[in-house]
Protein backbone atom coordinates (compact mmCIF):
# COMPACT_ATOMS: atom_id res chain seq x y z
CA MET A 1 -229.59 142.59 31.37
CA LYS A 2 -231.63 139.96 32.95
CA PHE A 3 -233.49 136.59 31.37
CA ILE A 4 -236.92 137.08 31.54
CA ALA A 5 -238.80 133.41 31.25
CA HIS A 6 -241.14 133.28 28.32
CA LYS A 7 -244.85 131.28 29.96
CA GLY A 8 -242.46 130.37 33.05
CA ASN A 9 -239.65 128.39 30.91
CA VAL A 10 -236.30 128.41 31.68
CA THR A 11 -235.20 125.05 30.35
CA GLY A 12 -236.99 124.46 27.31
CA SER A 13 -240.95 124.71 25.89
CA ASP A 14 -242.97 122.51 28.64
CA PRO A 15 -246.50 123.23 27.20
CA THR A 16 -247.69 121.19 29.96
CA GLN A 17 -246.92 123.65 32.58
CA GLU A 18 -246.57 126.65 30.67
CA ASN A 19 -248.79 130.02 32.22
CA LYS A 20 -248.71 127.72 35.50
CA ILE A 21 -249.05 129.99 38.81
CA GLU A 22 -245.87 126.87 39.90
CA TYR A 23 -243.93 127.48 37.53
CA ILE A 24 -243.81 130.95 36.88
CA LYS A 25 -242.87 131.17 40.77
CA HIS A 26 -240.61 128.72 40.39
CA ALA A 27 -238.49 130.48 37.41
CA VAL A 28 -238.54 133.34 39.87
CA THR A 29 -237.07 131.90 42.68
CA GLN A 30 -234.50 131.22 39.97
CA GLY A 31 -233.96 134.76 39.84
CA HIS A 32 -235.45 135.48 36.31
CA GLY A 33 -238.02 137.21 35.54
CA VAL A 34 -240.84 136.40 33.82
CA GLU A 35 -243.41 136.68 30.90
CA PHE A 36 -247.19 134.94 30.87
CA ASP A 37 -250.07 135.59 29.06
CA VAL A 38 -252.90 136.97 30.57
CA ARG A 39 -257.34 136.35 28.83
CA SER A 40 -260.61 137.19 30.56
CA PHE A 41 -263.27 134.71 30.77
CA ASN A 42 -266.65 135.20 32.61
CA ASP A 43 -265.14 138.61 33.65
CA LYS A 44 -262.20 136.83 35.54
CA LEU A 45 -258.65 137.02 34.12
CA TYR A 46 -257.28 134.00 33.82
CA LEU A 47 -253.32 133.05 32.67
CA GLY A 48 -253.89 131.21 29.25
CA HIS A 49 -252.00 131.35 26.14
CA ASP A 50 -255.31 129.94 24.40
CA GLU A 51 -257.42 129.02 26.75
CA PRO A 52 -258.27 130.31 30.32
CA GLN A 53 -256.39 127.69 32.69
CA GLU A 54 -256.53 129.25 35.95
CA GLU A 55 -257.87 132.62 37.56
CA LEU A 56 -254.63 134.72 37.85
CA PRO A 57 -253.64 135.35 41.36
CA LEU A 58 -253.32 139.60 41.48
CA GLU A 59 -249.90 138.99 43.78
CA LEU A 60 -248.00 137.24 39.84
CA LEU A 61 -248.33 141.26 38.61
CA ARG A 62 -246.60 142.07 40.92
CA LEU A 63 -243.14 139.96 40.74
CA PRO A 64 -239.91 141.39 39.19
CA ASP A 65 -239.36 142.06 35.89
CA CYS A 66 -242.82 140.90 35.22
CA PHE A 67 -244.18 141.62 31.88
CA VAL A 68 -247.72 140.71 30.92
CA HIS A 69 -248.79 139.46 27.59
CA ALA A 70 -252.86 140.49 27.76
CA LYS A 71 -254.07 138.27 25.13
CA ASP A 72 -257.62 140.02 24.08
CA ILE A 73 -258.06 143.65 24.77
CA ASP A 74 -260.94 142.98 27.89
CA ALA A 75 -257.53 141.40 29.81
CA PHE A 76 -255.91 144.11 28.14
CA GLU A 77 -257.96 146.98 30.10
CA LYS A 78 -258.45 144.94 33.07
CA LEU A 79 -254.61 144.29 33.34
CA LEU A 80 -253.95 148.30 32.88
CA LYS A 81 -256.26 149.18 35.74
CA LEU A 82 -254.14 146.46 37.63
CA ASN A 83 -251.15 148.83 37.05
CA CYS A 84 -248.92 145.89 36.28
CA ASN A 85 -246.29 146.10 33.49
CA VAL A 86 -248.54 145.04 30.65
CA PHE A 87 -248.61 144.82 26.38
CA TRP A 88 -250.64 143.46 24.32
CA HIS A 89 -250.07 142.85 20.44
CA GLN A 90 -250.24 140.85 17.51
CA THR A 91 -247.04 141.05 14.32
CA ASP A 92 -246.09 144.27 15.21
CA LYS A 93 -242.40 144.57 15.22
CA VAL A 94 -242.28 145.91 18.56
CA THR A 95 -244.88 147.14 21.27
CA ILE A 96 -244.38 149.62 24.19
CA THR A 97 -245.55 147.97 27.53
CA ASN A 98 -247.47 151.02 30.11
CA LYS A 99 -244.48 151.09 31.65
CA GLY A 100 -242.07 151.98 28.66
CA PHE A 101 -240.10 148.81 27.32
CA ILE A 102 -239.83 147.88 23.89
CA TRP A 103 -240.98 144.01 23.31
CA CYS A 104 -239.66 143.32 20.52
CA TYR A 105 -240.95 140.56 18.00
CA PRO A 106 -238.43 137.72 17.44
CA GLY A 107 -235.75 138.56 14.57
CA ILE A 108 -235.78 142.58 15.63
CA PHE A 109 -233.15 144.07 17.63
CA VAL A 110 -233.84 147.46 18.87
CA GLN A 111 -230.67 148.77 20.75
CA SER A 112 -232.29 150.14 23.90
CA ASN A 113 -231.43 149.89 27.76
CA LEU A 114 -235.34 149.20 28.00
CA ALA A 115 -235.52 146.60 24.93
CA VAL A 116 -236.17 142.78 25.75
CA TRP A 117 -235.29 140.91 22.73
CA LEU A 118 -236.89 137.55 22.05
CA ASP A 119 -234.93 134.01 21.64
CA LEU A 120 -237.94 132.16 20.76
CA GLN A 121 -237.40 130.96 17.23
CA ASP A 122 -234.21 129.91 15.31
CA ILE A 123 -233.02 133.47 14.52
CA PRO A 124 -229.90 133.65 15.89
CA LEU A 125 -229.81 136.66 18.06
CA PRO A 126 -226.61 139.19 17.20
CA ASN A 127 -223.27 138.19 18.40
CA GLU A 128 -223.19 142.09 20.02
CA VAL A 129 -225.47 141.67 22.82
CA ASN A 130 -225.38 144.67 24.51
CA ASN A 131 -227.24 147.91 26.18
CA ILE A 132 -230.75 146.09 26.24
CA TYR A 133 -233.19 145.48 29.37
CA GLY A 134 -233.51 141.59 28.61
CA ILE A 135 -234.10 138.53 26.18
CA CYS A 136 -237.07 136.47 26.75
CA GLY A 137 -236.99 132.51 25.82
CA ASP A 138 -238.11 129.43 26.73
CA TYR A 139 -234.06 128.39 27.82
CA TYR A 140 -231.79 130.36 30.00
CA HIS A 141 -228.51 129.79 28.57
CA GLU A 142 -225.90 131.63 30.97
CA THR A 143 -222.87 132.68 29.26
CA ASN A 144 -225.67 135.06 27.42
CA PHE A 145 -225.90 136.53 30.81
């Protein structure tokens, strides 16, 4: 099972660093997968949850265990053409990435070796965590992995 650093977070949420190039790369150097937000602005792709931050370097899309959360439909279409592991959703209980991974909403725990559970809120994970691809969260709990 893999830990996937939500917006690059490994030791807790850090809004000043989230979705930034070096922060994301640092999580990968620690052996984690990453999930980060990408949006389109002026026909270019940028990292950022609510607004464009840094222009997206395409090498980030090739990182191992990388999940790209498109924040708007234009970004989603552009990212599909780049053949990265991308998804888009709003309040869906699950969504499927274009690579076939099941991205679960917090509190939804699909049992599948392609499922990624979110550990982002005060919703406890099930006691039995096995046979899933990974857990995406802001804090790496060594005991879970």
